[in-house]
Amino acid sequence: MYTARSCKNIKILLFQVHSGLDLCSDYMTSLMTFENAEDFLNIADTYSLKKVLDHWFTMIQTRFMEFTASQQFLKMTADNLIKHLSQDTLTAPSEYKLFRSIEKWFYFNNVRINSDSVRVLSHIRFPLMTSMELASIQESNVVKHCPQGVQFLAKGFRFHMESKEGHPVIETVSNIRSSVPCLVFVQYGSSYMPFQITTYDKKSKMFYRLFSDVNGSRDCRLAVVDNFLYTCRVVDFGGGSLMSSVFRFDPRHLCGQEVRPMRRLRLDFALVAVGKYLYVFGGLTDQFAILDSVERYSVLENIWEDLPPLHAATHSMAGIKYQDNIYLSGGVALLGPERQAVNTFLCFHTATRIYESKPGMLYARRLHDMVIVGERVYVLGGIPRTGTPLHGQIPIEYYSHQANQWTLLSSTLSGRSVGHYLYHEGVILSLGHEHHNATEDEVWGYSPESDSWARHIKAPLRMSLTQAMCVLMYLNFADEKVSKLFIKEK
């Protein structure tokens, strides 16, 4: 007879069974290797031990090159192999070495070349290989006898050719094997320090120097399109000789090239990427005249075009993308005969090219920054209008799209809180503030939930506004090109 007590006993028994299966799964995963995995996998399949099966999948993903030396790899079905090759999390020192390992799988059973080569090779990311690597595998029997082998290889060559001419067509096979974006820093460079691009690996807690050159830069502004880093900047050749420059960096091959520069040389301008376009607003000329002009760069066509000008000539404003529109705040404009910080907040509709005025910020400010957190636009840092009464430091404020109003929060790190901010993993990161607890080589984090600050990481180089900015990009730290570029701690 069914009673409440019997129900309770069943729950206890089920709990004990689940606990026992959990213990068994932990024990099995602790013993599992690529050599003895077959027996464990049979047990896991029989008893539906998901924890064991997930562990096996992760083992292969994180130690794939080691796995290719085992019999388990050679006996793997095409469907299972494709499951791994299609993942961004697959760890390999290079796509070329990954291909050479896959060759062994085909040669173990030559029938696979005719039956499975198209499906398997479609998941090899040929555009990630160098031109020399692509040339070396042209003679591979797997490529030669694959019905679409030439076409797959051509995607790799086409990526390099298009990169030289402009912005390449991006497909899934052009993407870096990484599932989580990381911090990428650009140090502007100067007469005593090169222009540098570095990155931080959260897992190893190490910095890597990806690129450097001797050009000293000023007023760098960063944008990311298709995981390419575009740096709009002014290059200083010394002796007062300034030149407008747009530098594109490709993290796939750790190389950079100059593309078509802005039509006008600009200092203290705002840059925002939307889709396949870079939008540049306002700024100063090299003679410090304030600009109201706006330009748009097509990364696909490598051309700039003029857009409707700002309502008022402005420099040192902040810009950010939200739902395919661009929001611009603050900056310095002419108020009568004087240049003063303003509290304006505009929405530039990219589809109609119309400016829409929004409620102004509570504080007029310049040299500040904005980040998007959900539907809110946070404004941080900056220098207020001359004569603004402040009890300590300039506060953080945010604009709510839902409420269509501004809310005042806490102060930033410093009364001279000039810096660059970025939202990442639930925290607003701040570069290089002068603070009684911070140095200019530190990155601090602000929690929007708790309205509080904490130290985040210490960088190998200074991170002040005049020296560095930061973006989020995808990098493969297992790639041997990247892994050897780690920066040794001083």
Protein backbone atom coordinates (compact mmCIF):
# COMPACT_ATOMS: atom_id res chain seq x y z
CA MET A 1 0.00 0.00 0.00
CA TYR A 2 1.37 3.43 -1.01
CA THR A 3 1.90 5.76 1.94
CA ALA A 4 3.68 9.04 2.60
CA ARG A 5 6.37 7.05 4.40
CA SER A 6 7.01 4.83 1.36
CA CYS A 7 7.33 7.96 -0.79
CA LYS A 8 9.91 9.30 1.65
CA ASN A 9 11.81 6.00 1.53
CA ILE A 10 11.85 6.07 -2.27
CA LYS A 11 13.29 9.61 -2.22
CA ILE A 12 15.98 8.49 0.24
CA LEU A 13 16.81 5.48 -1.94
CA LEU A 14 16.99 7.62 -5.08
CA PHE A 15 19.23 10.11 -3.29
CA GLN A 16 21.52 7.25 -2.23
CA VAL A 17 21.56 5.84 -5.76
CA HIS A 18 22.40 9.28 -7.26
CA SER A 19 25.09 9.82 -4.63
CA GLY A 20 26.53 6.41 -5.40
CA LEU A 21 26.54 7.06 -9.13
CA ASP A 22 28.20 10.41 -8.50
CA LEU A 23 30.94 8.75 -6.44
CA CYS A 24 31.40 6.08 -9.13
CA SER A 25 31.62 8.75 -11.81
CA ASP A 26 34.25 10.70 -9.85
CA TYR A 27 36.26 7.52 -9.32
CA MET A 28 36.09 6.58 -13.00
CA THR A 29 37.14 10.03 -14.22
CA SER A 30 40.10 10.00 -11.82
CA LEU A 31 41.38 6.79 -13.46
CA MET A 32 40.50 7.52 -17.08
CA THR A 33 43.29 7.88 -19.64
CA PHE A 34 43.29 7.81 -23.42
CA GLU A 35 44.60 4.22 -23.30
CA ASN A 36 42.05 2.72 -20.88
CA ALA A 37 39.02 4.87 -21.72
CA GLU A 38 37.12 2.27 -23.78
CA ASP A 39 36.01 0.15 -20.81
CA PHE A 40 34.99 3.19 -18.77
CA LEU A 41 33.01 4.61 -21.70
CA ASN A 42 31.11 1.33 -22.13
CA ILE A 43 30.09 1.48 -18.46
CA ALA A 44 29.16 5.16 -18.79
CA ASP A 45 26.98 4.44 -21.82
CA THR A 46 25.26 1.50 -20.11
CA TYR A 47 24.39 3.42 -16.96
CA SER A 48 23.99 6.87 -18.57
CA LEU A 49 26.80 8.42 -16.54
CA LYS A 50 26.73 11.90 -18.08
CA LYS A 51 29.47 13.17 -15.80
CA VAL A 52 31.89 10.59 -17.20
CA LEU A 53 30.91 11.25 -20.80
CA ASP A 54 31.27 15.02 -20.32
CA HIS A 55 34.68 14.49 -18.75
CA TRP A 56 35.78 12.41 -21.73
CA PHE A 57 34.63 15.10 -24.15
CA THR A 58 36.55 17.77 -22.22
CA MET A 59 39.64 15.56 -22.06
CA ILE A 60 39.71 15.32 -25.83
CA GLN A 61 39.01 19.04 -26.32
CA THR A 62 41.77 20.20 -23.99
CA ARG A 63 44.37 17.54 -24.87
CA PHE A 64 43.54 16.86 -28.48
CA MET A 65 47.09 16.49 -29.81
CA GLU A 66 47.87 13.95 -27.10
CA PHE A 67 44.62 12.16 -27.95
CA THR A 68 45.63 11.83 -31.63
CA ALA A 69 48.46 9.51 -30.57
CA SER A 70 45.99 6.96 -29.14
CA GLN A 71 44.06 4.06 -30.67
CA GLN A 72 40.83 5.69 -29.48
CA PHE A 73 41.47 8.52 -31.92
CA LEU A 74 42.18 6.25 -34.88
CA LYS A 75 39.00 4.23 -34.21
CA MET A 76 36.82 7.31 -33.69
CA THR A 77 33.82 7.67 -35.99
CA ALA A 78 33.62 10.58 -38.41
CA ASP A 79 30.58 11.96 -36.59
CA ASN A 80 32.41 12.02 -33.24
CA LEU A 81 35.51 13.56 -34.83
CA ILE A 82 33.39 16.29 -36.41
CA LYS A 83 31.81 17.06 -33.02
CA HIS A 84 35.27 17.97 -31.75
CA LEU A 85 36.58 19.73 -34.84
CA SER A 86 33.53 21.98 -34.95
CA GLN A 87 34.19 23.36 -31.44
CA ASP A 88 35.86 26.71 -30.72
CA THR A 89 37.23 25.15 -27.53
CA LEU A 90 39.38 22.55 -29.31
CA THR A 91 42.98 23.01 -28.15
CA ALA A 92 45.77 22.66 -30.72
CA PRO A 93 49.14 24.42 -31.19
CA SER A 94 48.17 25.37 -34.75
CA GLU A 95 45.55 24.57 -37.36
CA TYR A 96 48.32 23.17 -39.57
CA LYS A 97 49.40 20.63 -36.95
CA LEU A 98 45.75 19.80 -36.36
CA PHE A 99 45.35 19.00 -40.06
CA ARG A 100 48.45 16.80 -40.06
CA SER A 101 46.98 14.85 -37.13
CA ILE A 102 43.69 14.41 -38.97
CA GLU A 103 45.63 12.97 -41.91
CA LYS A 104 46.61 10.03 -39.70
CA TRP A 105 42.95 9.34 -39.00
CA PHE A 106 42.25 9.16 -42.76
CA TYR A 107 45.27 6.98 -43.50
CA PHE A 108 44.29 4.51 -40.76
CA ASN A 109 41.35 3.59 -43.01
CA ASN A 110 41.71 4.88 -46.56
CA VAL A 111 38.02 4.37 -47.26
CA ARG A 112 37.39 7.41 -45.08
CA ILE A 113 38.94 9.73 -47.69
CA ASN A 114 36.12 9.02 -50.13
CA SER A 115 33.34 8.66 -47.58
CA ASP A 116 34.12 11.32 -44.94
CA SER A 117 36.74 13.78 -46.23
CA VAL A 118 34.27 16.49 -47.30
CA ARG A 119 32.45 16.47 -43.96
CA VAL A 120 35.63 16.35 -41.87
CA LEU A 121 37.75 18.85 -43.82
CA SER A 122 34.90 21.37 -43.85
CA HIS A 123 35.67 21.88 -40.14
CA ILE A 124 39.41 22.48 -40.63
CA ARG A 125 40.02 26.24 -40.46
CA PHE A 126 42.32 26.71 -43.42
CA PRO A 127 42.28 30.55 -43.20
CA LEU A 128 44.11 30.23 -39.86
CA MET A 129 47.11 28.63 -41.62
CA THR A 130 49.95 30.66 -43.10
CA SER A 131 50.44 30.81 -46.86
CA MET A 132 53.47 28.53 -46.57
CA GLU A 133 51.51 25.98 -44.55
CA LEU A 134 48.69 26.03 -47.10
CA ALA A 135 51.20 25.50 -49.93
CA SER A 136 52.75 22.54 -48.11
CA ILE A 137 49.47 20.64 -47.78
CA GLN A 138 48.50 21.03 -51.42
CA GLU A 139 50.28 17.73 -52.07
CA SER A 140 48.43 15.90 -49.29
CA ASN A 141 46.61 12.83 -50.61
CA VAL A 142 43.71 13.68 -48.35
CA VAL A 143 43.31 17.07 -50.04
CA LYS A 144 43.93 15.70 -53.53
CA HIS A 145 41.36 12.94 -53.26
CA CYS A 146 38.75 14.94 -51.35
CA PRO A 147 36.03 16.00 -53.84
CA GLN A 148 36.10 19.54 -52.41
CA GLY A 149 39.70 19.59 -51.18
CA VAL A 150 40.81 22.30 -53.61
CA GLN A 151 37.88 24.53 -52.63
CA PHE A 152 38.64 24.15 -48.90
CA LEU A 153 42.27 25.05 -49.50
CA ALA A 154 41.25 27.99 -51.67
CA LYS A 155 39.39 29.53 -48.72
CA GLY A 156 42.70 29.79 -46.90
CA PHE A 157 44.53 31.38 -49.83
CA ARG A 158 41.59 33.72 -50.48
CA PHE A 159 41.63 34.94 -46.88
CA HIS A 160 45.29 36.01 -47.22
CA MET A 161 44.72 37.63 -50.61
CA GLU A 162 41.64 39.54 -49.45
CA SER A 163 43.43 40.63 -46.26
CA LYS A 164 46.14 42.29 -48.33
CA GLU A 165 43.58 44.09 -50.48
CA GLY A 166 41.11 45.01 -47.73
CA HIS A 167 38.77 43.35 -45.26
CA PRO A 168 38.35 39.61 -45.97
CA VAL A 169 35.06 37.75 -46.08
CA ILE A 170 34.58 36.14 -42.66
CA GLU A 171 33.17 32.61 -42.34
CA THR A 172 33.08 30.19 -39.41
CA VAL A 173 36.35 28.65 -40.63
CA SER A 174 37.97 32.10 -40.35
CA ASN A 175 37.27 32.33 -36.62
CA ILE A 176 39.94 31.78 -34.00
CA ARG A 177 39.42 28.71 -31.82
CA SER A 178 38.32 30.54 -28.69
CA SER A 179 34.92 30.70 -27.00
CA VAL A 180 35.60 33.48 -24.49
CA PRO A 181 36.74 37.04 -25.30
CA CYS A 182 39.83 38.38 -23.54
CA LEU A 183 41.28 41.81 -22.77
CA VAL A 184 43.49 43.31 -25.47
CA PHE A 185 45.44 46.48 -24.64
CA VAL A 186 46.96 49.02 -27.01
CA GLN A 187 49.84 51.11 -25.70
CA TYR A 188 50.13 54.21 -27.87
CA GLY A 189 53.91 54.38 -28.04
CA SER A 190 56.21 57.39 -27.79
CA SER A 191 59.77 58.46 -28.49
CA TYR A 192 60.99 56.10 -25.77
CA MET A 193 58.39 53.30 -25.94
CA PRO A 194 57.07 51.42 -29.02
CA PHE A 195 53.44 51.11 -30.09
CA GLN A 196 52.36 47.79 -28.58
CA ILE A 197 49.40 45.42 -28.54
CA THR A 198 49.25 43.12 -25.52
CA THR A 199 46.66 40.72 -24.14
CA TYR A 200 45.81 39.08 -20.82
CA ASP A 201 44.99 35.41 -20.31
CA LYS A 202 42.74 35.06 -17.29
CA LYS A 203 43.43 31.33 -16.96
CA SER A 204 47.23 31.58 -16.77
CA LYS A 205 47.17 35.13 -15.34
CA MET A 206 49.84 36.09 -17.87
CA PHE A 207 50.27 38.93 -20.36
CA TYR A 208 51.39 38.40 -23.96
CA ARG A 209 52.93 40.94 -26.34
CA LEU A 210 51.21 40.31 -29.68
CA PHE A 211 52.61 43.14 -31.78
CA SER A 212 54.90 46.17 -31.59
CA ASP A 213 56.44 48.76 -33.88
CA VAL A 214 58.48 51.93 -33.45
CA ASN A 215 55.77 54.39 -34.49
CA GLY A 216 54.81 56.78 -31.74
CA SER A 217 51.05 57.42 -31.73
CA ARG A 218 48.68 59.97 -30.27
CA ASP A 219 44.95 59.98 -29.68
CA CYS A 220 44.39 56.31 -30.44
CA ARG A 221 40.78 55.17 -30.63
CA LEU A 222 39.93 51.48 -30.91
CA ALA A 223 37.15 49.47 -32.55
CA VAL A 224 36.70 45.77 -33.29
CA VAL A 225 35.03 44.45 -36.46
CA ASP A 226 34.96 40.69 -37.22
CA ASN A 227 37.66 40.20 -34.56
CA PHE A 228 40.00 42.61 -36.37
CA LEU A 229 41.31 45.48 -34.24
CA TYR A 230 41.10 48.88 -35.93
CA THR A 231 43.18 51.67 -34.38
CA CYS A 232 42.36 55.17 -35.63
CA ARG A 233 45.25 57.35 -34.53
CA VAL A 234 47.58 60.22 -35.22
CA VAL A 235 51.17 59.14 -35.87
CA ASP A 236 53.80 61.55 -34.57
CA PHE A 237 56.96 61.53 -36.68
CA GLY A 238 58.63 64.19 -34.52
CA GLY A 239 59.30 67.84 -35.18
CA GLY A 240 55.58 68.59 -35.25
CA SER A 241 54.92 66.28 -38.22
CA LEU A 242 51.56 64.55 -37.65
CA MET A 243 49.75 62.12 -39.93
CA SER A 244 46.31 60.50 -39.76
CA SER A 245 46.48 56.70 -39.65
CA VAL A 246 44.16 53.68 -39.45
CA PHE A 247 45.97 50.50 -38.44
CA ARG A 248 44.30 47.10 -38.63
CA PHE A 249 45.58 44.19 -36.53
CA ASP A 250 44.69 40.55 -37.25
CA PRO A 251 44.97 38.28 -34.17
CA ARG A 252 44.72 35.19 -36.40
CA HIS A 253 48.19 35.77 -37.81
CA LEU A 254 49.49 38.45 -35.40
CA CYS A 255 50.07 40.88 -38.25
CA GLY A 256 49.01 44.44 -38.95
CA GLN A 257 48.69 46.77 -41.89
CA GLU A 258 47.73 50.34 -42.66
CA VAL A 259 44.38 50.89 -44.35
CA ARG A 260 42.92 54.10 -45.76
CA PRO A 261 43.28 56.93 -43.18
CA MET A 262 40.56 59.37 -42.15
CA ARG A 263 39.95 62.26 -44.53
CA ARG A 264 40.80 64.77 -41.80
CA LEU A 265 43.51 64.64 -39.18
CA ARG A 266 41.69 64.57 -35.83
CA LEU A 267 42.72 64.80 -32.19
CA ASP A 268 40.39 63.99 -29.26
CA PHE A 269 37.67 62.49 -31.48
CA ALA A 270 35.09 59.75 -30.79
CA LEU A 271 35.13 56.41 -32.63
CA VAL A 272 32.34 53.79 -32.64
CA ALA A 273 31.93 50.61 -34.74
CA VAL A 274 28.49 49.54 -35.95
CA GLY A 275 28.24 46.56 -38.28
CA LYS A 276 30.93 46.81 -40.96
CA TYR A 277 31.45 50.55 -40.44
CA LEU A 278 33.60 52.80 -38.27
CA TYR A 279 32.02 56.15 -37.32
CA VAL A 280 34.23 59.11 -36.33
CA PHE A 281 32.76 62.21 -34.65
CA GLY A 282 34.23 65.68 -34.06
CA GLY A 283 37.64 66.29 -32.52
CA LEU A 284 40.35 68.91 -33.01
CA THR A 285 42.56 69.83 -35.94
CA ASP A 286 46.34 69.97 -35.49
CA GLN A 287 45.82 73.74 -35.02
CA PHE A 288 43.29 72.96 -32.22
CA ALA A 289 40.21 74.19 -34.07
CA ILE A 290 37.11 72.25 -32.97
CA LEU A 291 35.49 70.04 -35.62
CA ASP A 292 31.80 69.31 -36.20
CA SER A 293 32.48 66.95 -39.12
CA VAL A 294 31.61 63.24 -39.08
CA GLU A 295 33.06 60.47 -41.23
CA ARG A 296 32.19 56.81 -41.82
CA TYR A 297 34.62 54.11 -42.95
CA SER A 298 33.47 50.96 -44.76
CA VAL A 299 35.79 48.13 -43.80
CA LEU A 300 34.61 46.09 -46.79
CA GLU A 301 35.20 48.82 -49.38
CA ASN A 302 38.14 50.55 -47.63
CA ILE A 303 36.66 54.01 -48.23
CA TRP A 304 35.58 56.96 -46.06
CA GLU A 305 32.50 59.09 -46.63
CA ASP A 306 31.20 62.26 -44.98
CA LEU A 307 28.04 62.13 -42.86
CA PRO A 308 25.80 64.91 -41.49
CA PRO A 309 27.80 67.07 -39.06
CA LEU A 310 27.25 67.36 -35.33
CA HIS A 311 24.81 69.99 -34.05
CA ALA A 312 27.82 71.76 -32.49
CA ALA A 313 31.55 71.39 -33.02
CA THR A 314 32.79 69.19 -30.14
CA HIS A 315 35.93 67.40 -29.03
CA SER A 316 36.78 65.07 -26.13
CA MET A 317 33.31 63.48 -26.17
CA ALA A 318 32.50 59.81 -25.53
CA GLY A 319 30.66 57.49 -27.89
CA ILE A 320 29.16 54.00 -27.66
CA LYS A 321 26.91 51.65 -29.66
CA TYR A 322 23.50 50.53 -28.38
CA GLN A 323 21.05 48.59 -30.58
CA ASP A 324 22.77 49.66 -33.82
CA ASN A 325 22.58 53.35 -32.89
CA ILE A 326 25.38 55.54 -31.54
CA TYR A 327 25.16 57.52 -28.31
CA LEU A 328 27.41 60.56 -27.82
CA SER A 329 27.90 62.42 -24.55
CA GLY A 330 29.69 65.46 -23.20
CA GLY A 331 32.92 66.83 -24.59
CA VAL A 332 34.08 70.41 -25.10
CA ALA A 333 32.17 72.92 -27.22
CA LEU A 334 32.08 76.69 -27.65
CA LEU A 335 29.73 78.29 -25.12
CA GLY A 336 29.81 81.91 -26.15
CA PRO A 337 33.43 83.02 -26.44
CA GLU A 338 34.76 80.20 -24.22
CA ARG A 339 35.37 76.48 -24.61
CA GLN A 340 33.58 74.57 -21.87
CA ALA A 341 32.64 71.00 -21.03
CA VAL A 342 29.02 70.22 -21.93
CA ASN A 343 26.45 67.74 -20.63
CA THR A 344 24.78 66.95 -23.97
CA PHE A 345 23.57 63.41 -24.71
CA LEU A 346 22.73 62.55 -28.32
CA CYS A 347 21.54 59.50 -30.21
CA PHE A 348 22.76 59.20 -33.79
CA HIS A 349 20.44 56.91 -35.74
CA THR A 350 22.72 55.09 -38.18
CA ALA A 351 19.86 54.05 -40.49
CA THR A 352 18.39 57.54 -40.99
CA ARG A 353 21.54 59.56 -40.15
CA ILE A 354 19.52 61.78 -37.83
CA TYR A 355 20.63 63.13 -34.44
CA GLU A 356 18.15 62.92 -31.56
CA SER A 357 18.66 64.92 -28.37
CA LYS A 358 18.23 63.03 -25.10
CA PRO A 359 18.10 64.30 -21.50
CA GLY A 360 21.47 65.81 -20.62
CA MET A 361 23.88 64.29 -18.12
CA LEU A 362 23.75 65.55 -14.55
CA TYR A 363 27.41 66.62 -14.85
CA ALA A 364 29.03 68.31 -17.82
CA ARG A 365 32.29 66.48 -18.46
CA ARG A 366 35.06 65.83 -20.98
CA LEU A 367 37.64 63.05 -21.42
CA HIS A 368 35.19 60.61 -19.88
CA ASP A 369 33.97 57.22 -21.11
CA MET A 370 30.76 55.23 -21.46
CA VAL A 371 29.89 51.54 -21.14
CA ILE A 372 26.66 49.62 -21.72
CA VAL A 373 25.35 47.38 -18.93
CA GLY A 374 22.02 45.87 -19.94
CA GLU A 375 19.81 48.78 -21.03
CA ARG A 376 21.80 51.31 -19.04
CA VAL A 377 24.50 53.66 -20.31
CA TYR A 378 27.09 54.26 -17.58
CA VAL A 379 29.20 57.42 -17.75
CA LEU A 380 32.43 57.30 -15.78
CA GLY A 381 35.35 59.60 -15.12
CA GLY A 382 36.16 62.77 -16.95
CA ILE A 383 36.88 66.36 -16.01
CA PRO A 384 33.92 68.61 -15.12
CA ARG A 385 33.24 72.14 -16.30
CA THR A 386 35.45 74.78 -14.73
CA GLY A 387 33.98 76.01 -11.46
CA THR A 388 31.69 72.99 -10.89
CA PRO A 389 31.37 72.44 -7.11
CA LEU A 390 32.45 68.91 -6.24
CA HIS A 391 32.58 67.36 -2.80
CA GLY A 392 35.54 65.14 -3.56
CA GLN A 393 35.45 63.28 -6.86
CA ILE A 394 33.34 63.40 -10.02
CA PRO A 395 30.50 60.85 -9.66
CA ILE A 396 29.45 57.97 -11.88
CA GLU A 397 26.01 58.36 -13.44
CA TYR A 398 23.88 56.17 -15.67
CA TYR A 399 21.11 56.73 -18.18
CA SER A 400 18.18 54.30 -18.24
CA HIS A 401 16.56 53.82 -21.64
CA GLN A 402 13.43 52.50 -19.94
CA ALA A 403 13.05 55.46 -17.55
CA ASN A 404 14.60 58.02 -19.94
CA GLN A 405 16.46 59.65 -17.06
CA TRP A 406 19.84 59.86 -15.35
CA THR A 407 20.78 58.49 -11.91
CA LEU A 408 23.79 59.58 -9.86
CA LEU A 409 26.06 56.95 -8.26
CA SER A 410 29.39 56.96 -6.44
CA SER A 411 32.57 58.87 -7.22
CA THR A 412 35.23 57.40 -9.46
CA LEU A 413 38.76 56.65 -8.34
CA SER A 414 40.23 60.10 -8.59
CA GLY A 415 39.40 63.77 -8.81
CA ARG A 416 41.32 63.68 -12.08
CA SER A 417 39.53 60.50 -13.14
CA VAL A 418 40.64 60.48 -16.76
CA GLY A 419 40.74 56.96 -18.13
CA HIS A 420 39.33 54.24 -20.30
CA TYR A 421 36.53 51.91 -19.20
CA LEU A 422 35.25 48.56 -20.44
CA TYR A 423 32.46 46.21 -19.32
CA HIS A 424 33.62 42.60 -18.99
CA GLU A 425 32.27 39.63 -17.01
CA GLY A 426 29.93 41.71 -14.88
CA VAL A 427 32.55 44.34 -13.96
CA ILE A 428 33.36 47.76 -15.42
CA LEU A 429 37.14 47.78 -15.81
CA SER A 430 39.11 51.00 -15.41
CA LEU A 431 42.59 51.58 -16.84
CA GLY A 432 45.33 53.48 -15.07
CA HIS A 433 43.86 55.89 -12.55
CA GLU A 434 45.86 57.93 -10.08
CA HIS A 435 44.39 56.85 -6.76
CA HIS A 436 45.79 56.49 -3.25
CA ASN A 437 45.48 52.69 -3.60
CA ALA A 438 46.20 52.37 -7.33
CA THR A 439 49.15 52.77 -9.64
CA GLU A 440 49.07 53.54 -13.35
CA ASP A 441 49.98 49.95 -14.23
CA GLU A 442 46.85 48.56 -12.58
CA VAL A 443 43.38 47.79 -13.87
CA TRP A 444 40.58 48.28 -11.34
CA GLY A 445 37.03 46.96 -11.49
CA TYR A 446 33.75 48.67 -10.60
CA SER A 447 30.71 46.55 -9.71
CA PRO A 448 27.44 48.15 -10.90
CA GLU A 449 25.53 45.90 -8.50
CA SER A 450 27.37 46.91 -5.32
CA ASP A 451 28.53 50.37 -6.50
CA SER A 452 32.05 49.55 -5.28
CA TRP A 453 35.63 49.31 -6.58
CA ALA A 454 38.34 46.63 -6.26
CA ARG A 455 41.76 45.93 -7.75
CA HIS A 456 41.49 43.63 -10.81
CA ILE A 457 44.92 42.97 -12.37
CA LYS A 458 48.39 44.49 -12.50
CA ALA A 459 49.65 45.14 -16.03
CA PRO A 460 53.29 45.05 -17.23
CA LEU A 461 53.00 48.60 -18.63
CA ARG A 462 51.41 51.90 -17.63
CA MET A 463 47.71 52.14 -18.42
CA SER A 464 46.86 55.86 -18.16
CA LEU A 465 44.48 57.50 -20.66
CA THR A 466 47.27 59.14 -22.63
CA GLN A 467 49.06 55.80 -23.00
CA ALA A 468 46.60 52.90 -23.34
CA MET A 469 43.12 51.70 -24.26
CA CYS A 470 41.47 48.30 -24.12
CA VAL A 471 38.96 46.19 -26.12
CA LEU A 472 37.58 42.65 -26.04
CA MET A 473 38.76 40.19 -28.68
CA TYR A 474 39.07 36.44 -29.23
CA LEU A 475 42.58 34.99 -28.85
CA ASN A 476 43.75 31.37 -28.80
CA PHE A 477 46.35 31.18 -26.04
CA ALA A 478 47.11 27.55 -26.96
CA ASP A 479 48.28 28.70 -30.40
CA GLU A 480 52.06 28.34 -30.47
CA LYS A 481 52.37 31.75 -32.16
CA VAL A 482 50.76 33.35 -29.12
CA SER A 483 52.00 31.13 -26.29
CA LYS A 484 55.68 31.95 -26.92
CA LEU A 485 55.02 35.70 -26.64
CA PHE A 486 54.37 35.79 -22.89
CA ILE A 487 55.81 38.73 -21.01
CA LYS A 488 58.14 37.78 -18.18
CA GLU A 489 57.42 39.35 -14.83
CA LYS A 490 59.89 42.00 -13.80
